[in-house]
Amino acid sequence: MDIKKSIEELVDKIKNDKELRDNFTKDPVATVEKLLGVDLPEEQINQIVDAIKAKISLDKISSFFQK
């Protein structure tokens, strides 16, 4: 599994789907596990969730400065 590629794909899915965004906001671990289709150890899934949150935050900041 290419984690970096998976994170990018998950970020795109979450950003472009309101229901997924809402689910991710409410329960990020369950949402990511469902999207990945695997049950990862808590340490690994938390790292992925943190990476997704960071990427979404950076994208929001970037869009703010582009305006």
PDB file of N, CA and C in Angstrom:
ATOM      1  N   MET A   1       0.848  -1.179   0.000  1.00  0.00           N
ATOM      2  CA  MET A   1       0.000   0.000   0.000  1.00  0.00           C
ATOM      3  C   MET A   1       0.894   1.243   0.000  1.00  0.00           C
ATOM      4  N   ASP A   2       0.688   2.112  -0.962  1.00  0.00           N
ATOM      5  CA  ASP A   2       1.404   3.381  -1.033  1.00  0.00           C
ATOM      6  C   ASP A   2       0.648   4.388  -0.167  1.00  0.00           C
ATOM      7  N   ILE A   3       1.154   4.608   1.037  1.00  0.00           N
ATOM      8  CA  ILE A   3       0.453   5.446   2.018  1.00  0.00           C
ATOM      9  C   ILE A   3       0.278   6.871   1.516  1.00  0.00           C
ATOM     10  N   LYS A   4       1.326   7.430   0.938  1.00  0.00           N
ATOM     11  CA  LYS A   4       1.241   8.819   0.459  1.00  0.00           C
ATOM     12  C   LYS A   4       0.149   8.960  -0.605  1.00  0.00           C
ATOM     13  N   LYS A   5       0.115   8.009  -1.528  1.00  0.00           N
ATOM     14  CA  LYS A   5      -0.900   8.043  -2.588  1.00  0.00           C
ATOM     15  C   LYS A   5      -2.296   7.862  -1.981  1.00  0.00           C
ATOM     16  N   SER A   6      -2.409   6.951  -1.030  1.00  0.00           N
ATOM     17  CA  SER A   6      -3.699   6.715  -0.373  1.00  0.00           C
ATOM     18  C   SER A   6      -4.182   7.965   0.350  1.00  0.00           C
ATOM     19  N   ILE A   7      -3.281   8.654   1.017  1.00  0.00           N
ATOM     20  CA  ILE A   7      -3.647   9.879   1.737  1.00  0.00           C
ATOM     21  C   ILE A   7      -4.143  10.934   0.755  1.00  0.00           C
ATOM     22  N   GLU A   8      -3.440  11.102  -0.355  1.00  0.00           N
ATOM     23  CA  GLU A   8      -3.859  12.079  -1.367  1.00  0.00           C
ATOM     24  C   GLU A   8      -5.256  11.748  -1.903  1.00  0.00           C
ATOM     25  N   GLU A   9      -5.489  10.470  -2.169  1.00  0.00           N
ATOM     26  CA  GLU A   9      -6.791  10.051  -2.684  1.00  0.00           C
ATOM     27  C   GLU A   9      -7.890  10.280  -1.645  1.00  0.00           C
ATOM     28  N   LEU A  10      -7.592   9.967  -0.388  1.00  0.00           N
ATOM     29  CA  LEU A  10      -8.575  10.169   0.676  1.00  0.00           C
ATOM     30  C   LEU A  10      -8.881  11.647   0.873  1.00  0.00           C
ATOM     31  N   VAL A  11      -7.857  12.479   0.821  1.00  0.00           N
ATOM     32  CA  VAL A  11      -8.061  13.923   0.956  1.00  0.00           C
ATOM     33  C   VAL A  11      -8.995  14.420  -0.144  1.00  0.00           C
ATOM     34  N   ASP A  12      -8.744  13.996  -1.376  1.00  0.00           N
ATOM     35  CA  ASP A  12      -9.605  14.416  -2.489  1.00  0.00           C
ATOM     36  C   ASP A  12     -11.045  13.957  -2.286  1.00  0.00           C
ATOM     37  N   LYS A  13     -11.217  12.704  -1.877  1.00  0.00           N
ATOM     38  CA  LYS A  13     -12.563  12.184  -1.649  1.00  0.00           C
ATOM     39  C   LYS A  13     -13.272  12.962  -0.542  1.00  0.00           C
ATOM     40  N   ILE A  14     -12.585  13.187   0.552  1.00  0.00           N
ATOM     41  CA  ILE A  14     -13.189  13.866   1.702  1.00  0.00           C
ATOM     42  C   ILE A  14     -13.515  15.314   1.365  1.00  0.00           C
ATOM     43  N   LYS A  15     -12.619  16.000   0.665  1.00  0.00           N
ATOM     44  CA  LYS A  15     -12.855  17.401   0.319  1.00  0.00           C
ATOM     45  C   LYS A  15     -14.013  17.571  -0.654  1.00  0.00           C
ATOM     46  N   ASN A  16     -14.236  16.575  -1.507  1.00  0.00           N
ATOM     47  CA  ASN A  16     -15.229  16.709  -2.571  1.00  0.00           C
ATOM     48  C   ASN A  16     -16.569  16.053  -2.269  1.00  0.00           C
ATOM     49  N   ASP A  17     -16.729  15.507  -1.076  1.00  0.00           N
ATOM     50  CA  ASP A  17     -17.967  14.813  -0.722  1.00  0.00           C
ATOM     51  C   ASP A  17     -18.426  15.290   0.653  1.00  0.00           C
ATOM     52  N   LYS A  18     -19.522  16.039   0.682  1.00  0.00           N
ATOM     53  CA  LYS A  18     -20.002  16.628   1.934  1.00  0.00           C
ATOM     54  C   LYS A  18     -20.275  15.572   2.999  1.00  0.00           C
ATOM     55  N   GLU A  19     -20.897  14.462   2.604  1.00  0.00           N
ATOM     56  CA  GLU A  19     -21.208  13.411   3.570  1.00  0.00           C
ATOM     57  C   GLU A  19     -19.929  12.822   4.175  1.00  0.00           C
ATOM     58  N   LEU A  20     -18.921  12.590   3.321  1.00  0.00           N
ATOM     59  CA  LEU A  20     -17.650  12.087   3.833  1.00  0.00           C
ATOM     60  C   LEU A  20     -16.981  13.101   4.758  1.00  0.00           C
ATOM     61  N   ARG A  21     -17.043  14.388   4.394  1.00  0.00           N
ATOM     62  CA  ARG A  21     -16.482  15.446   5.256  1.00  0.00           C
ATOM     63  C   ARG A  21     -17.145  15.424   6.615  1.00  0.00           C
ATOM     64  N   ASP A  22     -18.467  15.326   6.620  1.00  0.00           N
ATOM     65  CA  ASP A  22     -19.203  15.291   7.887  1.00  0.00           C
ATOM     66  C   ASP A  22     -18.813  14.066   8.705  1.00  0.00           C
ATOM     67  N   ASN A  23     -18.747  12.911   8.052  1.00  0.00           N
ATOM     68  CA  ASN A  23     -18.365  11.686   8.745  1.00  0.00           C
ATOM     69  C   ASN A  23     -16.935  11.774   9.273  1.00  0.00           C
ATOM     70  N   PHE A  24     -16.039  12.339   8.467  1.00  0.00           N
ATOM     71  CA  PHE A  24     -14.645  12.476   8.876  1.00  0.00           C
ATOM     72  C   PHE A  24     -14.530  13.407  10.080  1.00  0.00           C
ATOM     73  N   THR A  25     -15.332  14.466  10.084  1.00  0.00           N
ATOM     74  CA  THR A  25     -15.324  15.395  11.208  1.00  0.00           C
ATOM     75  C   THR A  25     -15.822  14.715  12.484  1.00  0.00           C
ATOM     76  N   LYS A  26     -16.857  13.892  12.355  1.00  0.00           N
ATOM     77  CA  LYS A  26     -17.449  13.223  13.514  1.00  0.00           C
ATOM     78  C   LYS A  26     -16.596  12.055  14.009  1.00  0.00           C
ATOM     79  N   ASP A  27     -16.125  11.218  13.089  1.00  0.00           N
ATOM     80  CA  ASP A  27     -15.368  10.021  13.464  1.00  0.00           C
ATOM     81  C   ASP A  27     -14.318   9.732  12.392  1.00  0.00           C
ATOM     82  N   PRO A  28     -13.189  10.430  12.451  1.00  0.00           N
ATOM     83  CA  PRO A  28     -12.185  10.290  11.391  1.00  0.00           C
ATOM     84  C   PRO A  28     -11.616   8.880  11.259  1.00  0.00           C
ATOM     85  N   VAL A  29     -11.404   8.199  12.371  1.00  0.00           N
ATOM     86  CA  VAL A  29     -10.819   6.855  12.310  1.00  0.00           C
ATOM     87  C   VAL A  29     -11.743   5.895  11.568  1.00  0.00           C
ATOM     88  N   ALA A  30     -13.005   5.859  11.947  1.00  0.00           N
ATOM     89  CA  ALA A  30     -13.956   4.954  11.295  1.00  0.00           C
ATOM     90  C   ALA A  30     -14.122   5.305   9.816  1.00  0.00           C
ATOM     91  N   THR A  31     -14.149   6.589   9.506  1.00  0.00           N
ATOM     92  CA  THR A  31     -14.306   7.018   8.114  1.00  0.00           C
ATOM     93  C   THR A  31     -13.126   6.563   7.271  1.00  0.00           C
ATOM     94  N   VAL A  32     -11.912   6.755   7.769  1.00  0.00           N
ATOM     95  CA  VAL A  32     -10.718   6.357   7.013  1.00  0.00           C
ATOM     96  C   VAL A  32     -10.656   4.839   6.870  1.00  0.00           C
ATOM     97  N   GLU A  33     -10.947   4.111   7.934  1.00  0.00           N
ATOM     98  CA  GLU A  33     -10.938   2.653   7.838  1.00  0.00           C
ATOM     99  C   GLU A  33     -11.958   2.166   6.801  1.00  0.00           C
ATOM    100  N   LYS A  34     -13.123   2.786   6.792  1.00  0.00           N
ATOM    101  CA  LYS A  34     -14.153   2.407   5.817  1.00  0.00           C
ATOM    102  C   LYS A  34     -13.683   2.704   4.394  1.00  0.00           C
ATOM    103  N   LEU A  35     -13.096   3.882   4.187  1.00  0.00           N
ATOM    104  CA  LEU A  35     -12.629   4.251   2.851  1.00  0.00           C
ATOM    105  C   LEU A  35     -11.479   3.360   2.381  1.00  0.00           C
ATOM    106  N   LEU A  36     -10.592   2.993   3.306  1.00  0.00           N
ATOM    107  CA  LEU A  36      -9.468   2.131   2.948  1.00  0.00           C
ATOM    108  C   LEU A  36      -9.893   0.675   2.777  1.00  0.00           C
ATOM    109  N   GLY A  37     -10.954   0.299   3.485  1.00  0.00           N
ATOM    110  CA  GLY A  37     -11.421  -1.071   3.413  1.00  0.00           C
ATOM    111  C   GLY A  37     -10.578  -2.038   4.226  1.00  0.00           C
ATOM    112  N   VAL A  38      -9.807  -1.497   5.167  1.00  0.00           N
ATOM    113  CA  VAL A  38      -8.973  -2.344   6.029  1.00  0.00           C
ATOM    114  C   VAL A  38      -9.058  -1.850   7.460  1.00  0.00           C
ATOM    115  N   ASP A  39      -8.777  -2.755   8.383  1.00  0.00           N
ATOM    116  CA  ASP A  39      -8.746  -2.417   9.795  1.00  0.00           C
ATOM    117  C   ASP A  39      -7.287  -2.385  10.220  1.00  0.00           C
ATOM    118  N   LEU A  40      -6.717  -1.208  10.312  1.00  0.00           N
ATOM    119  CA  LEU A  40      -5.312  -1.048  10.663  1.00  0.00           C
ATOM    120  C   LEU A  40      -5.154  -0.897  12.172  1.00  0.00           C
ATOM    121  N   PRO A  41      -3.948  -1.186  12.669  1.00  0.00           N
ATOM    122  CA  PRO A  41      -3.688  -0.911  14.086  1.00  0.00           C
ATOM    123  C   PRO A  41      -3.910   0.578  14.386  1.00  0.00           C
ATOM    124  N   GLU A  42      -4.340   0.854  15.600  1.00  0.00           N
ATOM    125  CA  GLU A  42      -4.714   2.218  15.978  1.00  0.00           C
ATOM    126  C   GLU A  42      -3.593   3.226  15.718  1.00  0.00           C
ATOM    127  N   GLU A  43      -2.353   2.850  15.996  1.00  0.00           N
ATOM    128  CA  GLU A  43      -1.231   3.769  15.786  1.00  0.00           C
ATOM    129  C   GLU A  43      -1.101   4.173  14.327  1.00  0.00           C
ATOM    130  N   GLN A  44      -1.246   3.210  13.432  1.00  0.00           N
ATOM    131  CA  GLN A  44      -1.129   3.501  12.003  1.00  0.00           C
ATOM    132  C   GLN A  44      -2.303   4.334  11.502  1.00  0.00           C
ATOM    133  N   ILE A  45      -3.497   3.976  11.906  1.00  0.00           N
ATOM    134  CA  ILE A  45      -4.666   4.713  11.422  1.00  0.00           C
ATOM    135  C   ILE A  45      -4.646   6.142  11.947  1.00  0.00           C
ATOM    136  N   ASN A  46      -4.184   6.343  13.176  1.00  0.00           N
ATOM    137  CA  ASN A  46      -4.096   7.696  13.719  1.00  0.00           C
ATOM    138  C   ASN A  46      -3.080   8.539  12.959  1.00  0.00           C
ATOM    139  N   GLN A  47      -1.987   7.933  12.510  1.00  0.00           N
ATOM    140  CA  GLN A  47      -1.002   8.663  11.711  1.00  0.00           C
ATOM    141  C   GLN A  47      -1.604   9.082  10.373  1.00  0.00           C
ATOM    142  N   ILE A  48      -2.378   8.211   9.768  1.00  0.00           N
ATOM    143  CA  ILE A  48      -3.032   8.527   8.494  1.00  0.00           C
ATOM    144  C   ILE A  48      -4.054   9.635   8.692  1.00  0.00           C
ATOM    145  N   VAL A  49      -4.858   9.530   9.752  1.00  0.00           N
ATOM    146  CA  VAL A  49      -5.860  10.556  10.046  1.00  0.00           C
ATOM    147  C   VAL A  49      -5.180  11.900  10.261  1.00  0.00           C
ATOM    148  N   ASP A  50      -4.093  11.921  11.025  1.00  0.00           N
ATOM    149  CA  ASP A  50      -3.364  13.177  11.263  1.00  0.00           C
ATOM    150  C   ASP A  50      -2.813  13.760   9.969  1.00  0.00           C
ATOM    151  N   ALA A  51      -2.317  12.898   9.090  1.00  0.00           N
ATOM    152  CA  ALA A  51      -1.788  13.366   7.808  1.00  0.00           C
ATOM    153  C   ALA A  51      -2.902  13.961   6.947  1.00  0.00           C
ATOM    154  N   ILE A  52      -4.063  13.333   6.950  1.00  0.00           N
ATOM    155  CA  ILE A  52      -5.199  13.848   6.180  1.00  0.00           C
ATOM    156  C   ILE A  52      -5.637  15.198   6.732  1.00  0.00           C
ATOM    157  N   LYS A  53      -5.750  15.307   8.049  1.00  0.00           N
ATOM    158  CA  LYS A  53      -6.135  16.583   8.668  1.00  0.00           C
ATOM    159  C   LYS A  53      -5.134  17.675   8.314  1.00  0.00           C
ATOM    160  N   ALA A  54      -3.849  17.351   8.370  1.00  0.00           N
ATOM    161  CA  ALA A  54      -2.819  18.338   8.055  1.00  0.00           C
ATOM    162  C   ALA A  54      -2.914  18.775   6.597  1.00  0.00           C
ATOM    163  N   LYS A  55      -3.120  17.832   5.695  1.00  0.00           N
ATOM    164  CA  LYS A  55      -3.212  18.154   4.264  1.00  0.00           C
ATOM    165  C   LYS A  55      -4.435  19.019   3.978  1.00  0.00           C
ATOM    166  N   ILE A  56      -5.558  18.688   4.594  1.00  0.00           N
ATOM    167  CA  ILE A  56      -6.766  19.488   4.391  1.00  0.00           C
ATOM    168  C   ILE A  56      -6.554  20.901   4.927  1.00  0.00           C
ATOM    169  N   SER A  57      -5.916  21.019   6.079  1.00  0.00           N
ATOM    170  CA  SER A  57      -5.638  22.336   6.662  1.00  0.00           C
ATOM    171  C   SER A  57      -4.709  23.149   5.774  1.00  0.00           C
ATOM    172  N   LEU A  58      -3.664  22.507   5.247  1.00  0.00           N
ATOM    173  CA  LEU A  58      -2.744  23.206   4.351  1.00  0.00           C
ATOM    174  C   LEU A  58      -3.443  23.656   3.076  1.00  0.00           C
ATOM    175  N   ASP A  59      -4.311  22.814   2.557  1.00  0.00           N
ATOM    176  CA  ASP A  59      -5.052  23.184   1.353  1.00  0.00           C
ATOM    177  C   ASP A  59      -5.957  24.389   1.617  1.00  0.00           C
ATOM    178  N   LYS A  60      -6.568  24.435   2.801  1.00  0.00           N
ATOM    179  CA  LYS A  60      -7.419  25.573   3.152  1.00  0.00           C
ATOM    180  C   LYS A  60      -6.593  26.844   3.246  1.00  0.00           C
ATOM    181  N   ILE A  61      -5.426  26.748   3.873  1.00  0.00           N
ATOM    182  CA  ILE A  61      -4.552  27.920   4.014  1.00  0.00           C
ATOM    183  C   ILE A  61      -4.076  28.378   2.632  1.00  0.00           C
ATOM    184  N   SER A  62      -3.698  27.436   1.793  1.00  0.00           N
ATOM    185  CA  SER A  62      -3.230  27.775   0.445  1.00  0.00           C
ATOM    186  C   SER A  62      -4.310  28.496  -0.345  1.00  0.00           C
ATOM    187  N   SER A  63      -5.536  28.015  -0.250  1.00  0.00           N
ATOM    188  CA  SER A  63      -6.621  28.652  -1.002  1.00  0.00           C
ATOM    189  C   SER A  63      -6.894  30.053  -0.472  1.00  0.00           C
ATOM    190  N   PHE A  64      -6.683  30.273   0.801  1.00  0.00           N
ATOM    191  CA  PHE A  64      -6.870  31.602   1.389  1.00  0.00           C
ATOM    192  C   PHE A  64      -5.886  32.595   0.788  1.00  0.00           C
ATOM    193  N   PHE A  65      -4.618  32.180   0.628  1.00  0.00           N
ATOM    194  CA  PHE A  65      -3.602  33.083   0.099  1.00  0.00           C
ATOM    195  C   PHE A  65      -3.690  33.268  -1.413  1.00  0.00           C
ATOM    196  N   GLN A  66      -4.362  32.359  -2.088  1.00  0.00           N
ATOM    197  CA  GLN A  66      -4.503  32.474  -3.539  1.00  0.00           C
ATOM    198  C   GLN A  66      -5.603  33.450  -3.930  1.00  0.00           C
ATOM    199  N   LYS A  67      -6.432  33.838  -2.989  1.00  0.00           N
ATOM    200  CA  LYS A  67      -7.553  34.734  -3.307  1.00  0.00           C
ATOM    201  C   LYS A  67      -7.134  36.148  -3.390  1.00  0.00           C
TER     202      LYS A  67
END
